Amino acid sequence: MSLTLKGVFGPVVTTFQTATGDVDSEGFARNVRAHLDAGMHGIVVTGSTGEAALLDERERMTLVETARKQIASDRILIVGTGAESTRTAQRYTRLAAERGADAVLVVAPHYYGGKAMTHAALAAHYSTIADTSPVPVVLYNIPKYMHFALPPALVAELARHENVIGIKDSSGDLDLLAGYLQAQSASFSVLTGNGATFKRALEMGARGGILAVGLFATGLALEVYMAVSEGTGSSIEQTQERLGTLSTRIVSELGVPGVKAALDRIGLRGGPVRAPLMPLAGEDVARIAELLRQAELSLAA
C-alpha cells in the first residue's frame, strides 16, 4: 500500500463512562467526527494520549472499529499497536489491520530498558513487525516513556524497509529530529509529536505532526501547518507561541488528565481518566480554562 504521511493528525483520547469506567464508544465517535470536521488530516487511535497502556485487547479493537466508521477514505486512520513483546505487537497489528487501520504506530519495547534494547534487538523487533504487517508501519520515539531514544542510525536502517513509512518523534529535541530527517525520503516521512516546537520542526523539513495539543487547539495547529507549507511561516509566530504555551502547560505538564480537561472545556468529551491515572485538582482545571481563554479558544458554557 502506498501511503504518504503529511499534515496534522489527532492522537485521540479514549473516553470512559463516568459511572462504570467502561469505554464510552458514543463519546469517542463524537470526538473523532469533531476532530475531522475541524480539519484534521487523520486520526491516531490507542496512542499515548489514548491511554493505550491501560486498555485491554477487546477495548483496543472496539476503538479501532468505532473510529473506522467515522473516517472517510480521504483521511487516515493510524492505530497504536506497540507492545513489550514482538509477538503481541504483531497480533495487535494484524487485528488493527483487519478492522481497517491504514497504518500502525509502534512504540519501542522499553520495560527491560536501554541495555536490553540494543540496536540489534530493536532492528529485529521492528523488522519482524514490518515483515508481517498487512499495513504500513510508523516508528514511534517518545523518550519520556521509553527512557531512551531510537538512534538515528537505527531509524535510517529501518527507513529502507519497504513497509516502514515514517516516524513520530515526540522528544522535542530538535537535534535528534534533525538526525531522523536525514532518513526522510519519498517513502519515509518524519512527523513531530511536540506542539511546542511544531513550526520549527516543519521548517526543518518534518511533514506534519501528531499533536495532542491539536485535539483542543486544532485551528492553531492547522494554521501553523498551512503557513509553513505555503511559505508564509514568518507571519504566524504569535500563533505558534499560543500553540506552544498550550502544549507545554497542558500537555507536557498535566498529561492525559490535562488534555481531557481541556477537551471538556471546549465542548468535546474528555471525561475521566483510568486508574492509576488521577483526575486533576480543581486549581489545575481552573488553570486550564484560563490558558484556553488567553489563547482565545472558544469555551463551552
Protein backbone atom coordinates (compact mmCIF):
# COMPACT_ATOMS: atom_id res chain seq x y z
CA MET A 1 0.00 0.00 0.00
CA SER A 2 1.32 3.43 -0.95
CA LEU A 3 0.73 5.93 1.82
CA THR A 4 2.46 9.27 2.37
CA LEU A 5 2.16 10.80 5.82
CA LYS A 6 1.73 14.56 5.95
CA GLY A 7 -0.48 17.04 7.74
CA VAL A 8 -1.90 17.36 11.25
CA PHE A 9 -3.11 14.20 12.97
CA GLY A 10 -5.10 13.92 16.20
CA PRO A 11 -3.97 11.31 18.76
CA VAL A 12 -7.46 10.97 20.19
CA VAL A 13 -8.26 10.32 23.83
CA THR A 14 -10.13 7.22 24.92
CA THR A 15 -13.39 8.26 26.51
CA PHE A 16 -14.71 6.34 29.51
CA GLN A 17 -18.15 6.22 31.08
CA THR A 18 -18.17 8.06 34.37
CA ALA A 19 -20.32 5.53 36.22
CA THR A 20 -18.72 2.25 35.11
CA GLY A 21 -15.29 3.13 33.76
CA ASP A 22 -16.06 1.23 30.55
CA VAL A 23 -15.17 2.66 27.15
CA ASP A 24 -17.67 5.32 26.04
CA SER A 25 -17.92 4.46 22.34
CA GLU A 26 -20.55 7.11 21.61
CA GLY A 27 -18.50 9.93 23.10
CA PHE A 28 -15.42 8.60 21.33
CA ALA A 29 -17.19 8.60 17.97
CA ARG A 30 -18.42 12.16 18.51
CA ASN A 31 -14.89 13.32 19.24
CA VAL A 32 -13.47 11.64 16.14
CA ARG A 33 -16.11 13.29 13.94
CA ALA A 34 -15.46 16.66 15.55
CA HIS A 35 -11.69 16.43 15.04
CA LEU A 36 -12.16 15.53 11.37
CA ASP A 37 -14.78 18.24 10.85
CA ALA A 38 -12.27 20.73 12.30
CA GLY A 39 -9.82 19.81 9.54
CA MET A 40 -7.56 17.07 10.91
CA HIS A 41 -5.84 15.08 8.17
CA GLY A 42 -6.10 11.87 10.15
CA ILE A 43 -6.69 10.21 13.49
CA VAL A 44 -4.42 8.14 15.73
CA VAL A 45 -6.21 5.65 17.99
CA THR A 46 -4.72 3.85 21.02
CA GLY A 47 -1.66 6.03 21.31
CA SER A 48 -0.12 7.50 24.45
CA THR A 49 -2.79 10.19 24.75
CA GLY A 50 -5.37 7.44 24.21
CA GLU A 51 -4.22 5.65 27.41
CA ALA A 52 -3.34 2.59 25.32
CA ALA A 53 -1.26 1.08 28.10
CA LEU A 54 -4.41 0.92 30.25
CA LEU A 55 -6.64 -0.80 27.67
CA ASP A 56 -7.25 -4.48 27.10
CA GLU A 57 -7.26 -6.06 23.65
CA ARG A 58 -11.05 -6.03 23.28
CA GLU A 59 -11.23 -2.35 24.16
CA ARG A 60 -8.47 -1.51 21.71
CA MET A 61 -10.24 -3.21 18.83
CA THR A 62 -13.60 -1.69 19.74
CA LEU A 63 -11.99 1.74 19.43
CA VAL A 64 -10.47 0.87 16.04
CA GLU A 65 -13.81 -0.34 14.73
CA THR A 66 -15.61 2.74 16.07
CA ALA A 67 -13.06 5.14 14.58
CA ARG A 68 -13.06 3.43 11.20
CA LYS A 69 -16.80 4.01 10.86
CA GLN A 70 -16.28 7.75 11.29
CA ILE A 71 -13.32 8.20 8.94
CA ALA A 72 -13.81 8.70 5.20
CA SER A 73 -11.38 7.28 2.67
CA ASP A 74 -9.69 10.66 2.16
CA ARG A 75 -8.49 10.68 5.80
CA ILE A 76 -6.03 8.36 7.51
CA LEU A 77 -6.57 6.05 10.47
CA ILE A 78 -3.39 5.13 12.33
CA VAL A 79 -3.58 2.65 15.21
CA GLY A 80 -1.07 2.30 18.03
CA THR A 81 -0.05 -1.36 18.24
CA GLY A 82 3.19 -1.24 20.21
CA ALA A 83 3.73 -3.88 22.90
CA GLU A 84 6.52 -5.25 25.03
CA SER A 85 6.75 -8.50 23.08
CA THR A 86 7.23 -8.67 19.34
CA ARG A 87 4.60 -11.41 19.19
CA THR A 88 1.96 -9.27 20.90
CA ALA A 89 2.75 -6.25 18.71
CA GLN A 90 2.33 -8.49 15.66
CA ARG A 91 -1.05 -9.64 16.96
CA TYR A 92 -2.28 -6.12 17.71
CA THR A 93 -1.08 -5.04 14.26
CA ARG A 94 -2.89 -7.86 12.48
CA LEU A 95 -6.12 -7.24 14.41
CA ALA A 96 -5.96 -3.49 13.71
CA ALA A 97 -5.40 -4.10 10.01
CA GLU A 98 -8.39 -6.47 9.90
CA ARG A 99 -10.52 -3.67 11.34
CA GLY A 100 -9.49 -1.07 8.81
CA ALA A 101 -6.31 0.61 10.03
CA ASP A 102 -4.43 2.40 7.25
CA ALA A 103 -1.15 2.19 9.19
CA VAL A 104 0.13 1.27 12.65
CA LEU A 105 2.20 3.28 15.10
CA VAL A 106 4.66 1.12 17.03
CA VAL A 107 6.40 2.39 20.15
CA ALA A 108 9.62 0.57 21.06
CA PRO A 109 9.56 -2.04 23.83
CA HIS A 110 11.04 -0.45 26.92
CA TYR A 111 10.26 -2.46 30.07
CA TYR A 112 13.69 -4.08 30.02
CA GLY A 113 15.40 -0.78 29.37
CA GLY A 114 18.07 0.58 27.12
CA LYS A 115 20.71 -2.07 27.91
CA ALA A 116 18.49 -4.87 26.61
CA MET A 117 17.02 -2.83 23.79
CA THR A 118 20.18 -2.81 21.71
CA HIS A 119 20.39 -1.77 18.07
CA ALA A 120 20.16 -5.44 17.09
CA ALA A 121 17.16 -6.14 19.34
CA LEU A 122 15.21 -3.12 18.14
CA ALA A 123 16.09 -3.73 14.49
CA ALA A 124 14.87 -7.32 14.77
CA HIS A 125 11.69 -6.25 16.61
CA TYR A 126 10.67 -3.63 14.08
CA SER A 127 11.75 -5.63 11.03
CA THR A 128 9.72 -8.63 12.15
CA ILE A 129 6.63 -6.49 12.65
CA ALA A 130 7.10 -4.73 9.31
CA ASP A 131 7.70 -8.04 7.52
CA THR A 132 4.41 -9.49 8.74
CA SER A 133 2.20 -6.38 8.94
CA PRO A 134 -0.61 -6.15 6.36
CA VAL A 135 -0.40 -2.33 6.59
CA PRO A 136 2.47 0.19 6.72
CA VAL A 137 4.40 0.70 9.96
CA VAL A 138 5.26 4.03 11.62
CA LEU A 139 8.03 4.09 14.22
CA TYR A 140 7.33 5.92 17.48
CA ASN A 141 10.01 7.68 19.53
CA ILE A 142 8.89 9.02 22.91
CA PRO A 143 11.85 9.11 25.31
CA LYS A 144 9.89 10.33 28.32
CA TYR A 145 8.05 6.99 28.41
CA MET A 146 10.65 4.74 26.76
CA HIS A 147 13.55 6.18 28.82
CA PHE A 148 15.75 6.01 25.73
CA ALA A 149 15.59 7.37 22.19
CA LEU A 150 15.64 5.48 18.91
CA PRO A 151 19.11 6.11 17.44
CA PRO A 152 19.09 7.95 14.09
CA ALA A 153 21.28 5.20 12.61
CA LEU A 154 18.64 2.60 13.51
CA VAL A 155 15.87 4.77 12.07
CA ALA A 156 17.86 5.21 8.85
CA GLU A 157 18.24 1.44 8.61
CA LEU A 158 14.55 0.77 9.22
CA ALA A 159 13.51 3.55 6.82
CA ARG A 160 14.84 1.39 3.99
CA HIS A 161 12.26 -1.31 4.75
CA GLU A 162 9.52 -1.12 2.13
CA ASN A 163 6.79 -1.38 4.78
CA VAL A 164 8.15 1.27 7.18
CA ILE A 165 6.77 4.64 6.08
CA GLY A 166 7.66 7.09 8.83
CA ILE A 167 8.41 8.04 12.40
CA LYS A 168 6.63 10.08 15.03
CA ASP A 169 9.21 11.85 17.19
CA SER A 170 7.81 13.17 20.47
CA SER A 171 11.17 14.00 22.01
CA GLY A 172 11.03 17.75 21.37
CA ASP A 173 14.80 17.51 20.78
CA LEU A 174 15.45 19.33 17.51
CA ASP A 175 18.94 17.91 17.19
CA LEU A 176 17.52 14.40 17.38
CA LEU A 177 14.80 15.36 14.91
CA ALA A 178 17.46 16.60 12.52
CA GLY A 179 19.06 13.16 12.72
CA TYR A 180 15.79 11.49 11.80
CA LEU A 181 15.25 13.92 8.94
CA GLN A 182 18.40 12.56 7.34
CA ALA A 183 16.38 9.41 6.62
CA GLN A 184 13.38 11.20 5.13
CA SER A 185 12.58 10.24 1.55
CA ALA A 186 9.69 9.93 -0.87
CA SER A 187 8.59 6.80 1.02
CA PHE A 188 9.54 7.74 4.60
CA SER A 189 8.09 10.75 6.45
CA VAL A 190 9.16 12.37 9.69
CA LEU A 191 6.36 13.73 11.89
CA THR A 192 6.75 15.56 15.18
CA GLY A 193 4.72 14.87 18.28
CA ASN A 194 5.76 18.08 20.03
CA GLY A 195 3.48 21.09 19.72
CA ALA A 196 5.92 23.50 21.37
CA THR A 197 8.39 23.07 18.50
CA PHE A 198 5.86 22.41 15.72
CA LYS A 199 6.70 25.38 13.50
CA ARG A 200 10.44 24.85 13.78
CA ALA A 201 10.09 21.14 13.06
CA LEU A 202 8.12 21.91 9.90
CA GLU A 203 10.69 24.47 8.82
CA MET A 204 13.40 21.84 9.29
CA GLY A 205 11.51 19.52 6.94
CA ALA A 206 9.08 17.49 9.04
CA ARG A 207 5.97 16.72 7.01
CA GLY A 208 3.47 17.23 9.80
CA GLY A 209 2.62 16.40 13.35
CA ILE A 210 0.66 14.02 15.56
CA LEU A 211 -0.21 16.57 18.21
CA ALA A 212 -2.14 16.11 21.45
CA VAL A 213 -2.45 19.90 21.71
CA GLY A 214 -4.16 19.82 18.32
CA LEU A 215 -7.09 17.98 19.85
CA PHE A 216 -8.26 21.13 21.62
CA ALA A 217 -6.40 23.75 19.54
CA THR A 218 -6.95 22.32 16.07
CA GLY A 219 -7.26 25.69 14.39
CA LEU A 220 -3.92 26.89 15.74
CA ALA A 221 -2.11 23.71 14.69
CA LEU A 222 -3.60 23.81 11.20
CA GLU A 223 -2.78 27.48 10.83
CA VAL A 224 0.88 26.82 11.63
CA TYR A 225 1.00 23.84 9.29
CA MET A 226 -0.59 25.66 6.37
CA ALA A 227 1.53 28.80 6.81
CA VAL A 228 4.79 26.86 6.75
CA SER A 229 3.57 24.72 3.85
CA GLU A 230 2.72 27.85 1.86
CA GLY A 231 5.96 29.62 2.72
CA THR A 232 4.39 32.25 4.96
CA GLY A 233 5.63 30.88 8.27
CA SER A 234 7.06 34.20 9.41
CA SER A 235 3.52 35.52 9.72
CA ILE A 236 2.41 33.06 12.39
CA GLU A 237 4.95 33.46 15.18
CA GLN A 238 2.23 34.53 17.60
CA THR A 239 0.07 31.56 16.60
CA GLN A 240 2.95 29.18 17.30
CA GLU A 241 3.56 30.90 20.62
CA ARG A 242 -0.07 30.33 21.62
CA LEU A 243 0.09 26.72 20.48
CA GLY A 244 3.40 26.17 22.23
CA THR A 245 2.17 27.58 25.53
CA LEU A 246 -0.84 25.27 25.49
CA SER A 247 1.34 22.30 24.59
CA THR A 248 3.83 22.98 27.37
CA ARG A 249 1.44 24.00 30.14
CA ILE A 250 -1.34 21.49 29.46
CA VAL A 251 0.04 18.52 27.51
CA SER A 252 3.58 18.33 28.89
CA GLU A 253 2.92 19.44 32.45
CA LEU A 254 -0.52 17.90 33.09
CA GLY A 255 -0.52 14.92 30.73
CA VAL A 256 -3.60 12.98 29.68
CA PRO A 257 -5.75 14.35 32.54
CA GLY A 258 -4.92 17.86 31.30
CA VAL A 259 -5.80 17.05 27.70
CA LYS A 260 -9.11 15.55 28.77
CA ALA A 261 -9.93 18.54 30.96
CA ALA A 262 -9.18 20.87 28.04
CA LEU A 263 -11.49 18.86 25.78
CA ASP A 264 -14.26 19.17 28.35
CA ARG A 265 -13.74 22.93 28.46
CA ILE A 266 -14.12 23.37 24.68
CA GLY A 267 -17.26 21.24 24.47
CA LEU A 268 -15.85 17.88 23.42
CA ARG A 269 -15.81 14.73 25.52
CA GLY A 270 -12.81 14.40 27.79
CA GLY A 271 -14.23 12.80 30.88
CA PRO A 272 -12.45 10.67 33.44
CA VAL A 273 -9.05 9.06 33.14
CA ARG A 274 -8.50 5.40 34.00
CA ALA A 275 -6.74 4.39 37.21
CA PRO A 276 -3.97 4.54 38.19
CA LEU A 277 -4.09 7.96 36.50
CA MET A 278 -5.75 10.54 38.70
CA PRO A 279 -8.12 13.41 37.89
CA LEU A 280 -6.83 16.95 38.12
CA ALA A 281 -7.26 19.11 41.19
CA GLY A 282 -9.68 21.99 40.94
CA GLU A 283 -6.95 24.60 40.67
CA ASP A 284 -5.45 22.80 37.67
CA VAL A 285 -8.83 22.69 35.93
CA ALA A 286 -9.22 26.43 36.53
CA ARG A 287 -5.70 26.99 35.23
CA ILE A 288 -6.57 25.15 32.01
CA ALA A 289 -9.67 27.25 31.50
CA GLU A 290 -7.58 30.41 31.88
CA LEU A 291 -4.92 29.16 29.44
CA LEU A 292 -7.59 28.39 26.86
CA ARG A 293 -9.15 31.81 27.39
CA GLN A 294 -5.76 33.53 26.94
CA ALA A 295 -5.25 31.55 23.72
CA GLU A 296 -8.62 32.90 22.51
CA LEU A 297 -10.20 29.48 22.16
CA SER A 298 -13.95 29.10 22.49
CA LEU A 299 -15.05 27.61 25.79
CA ALA A 300 -18.21 25.59 26.40
CA ALA A 301 -20.85 27.22 28.53
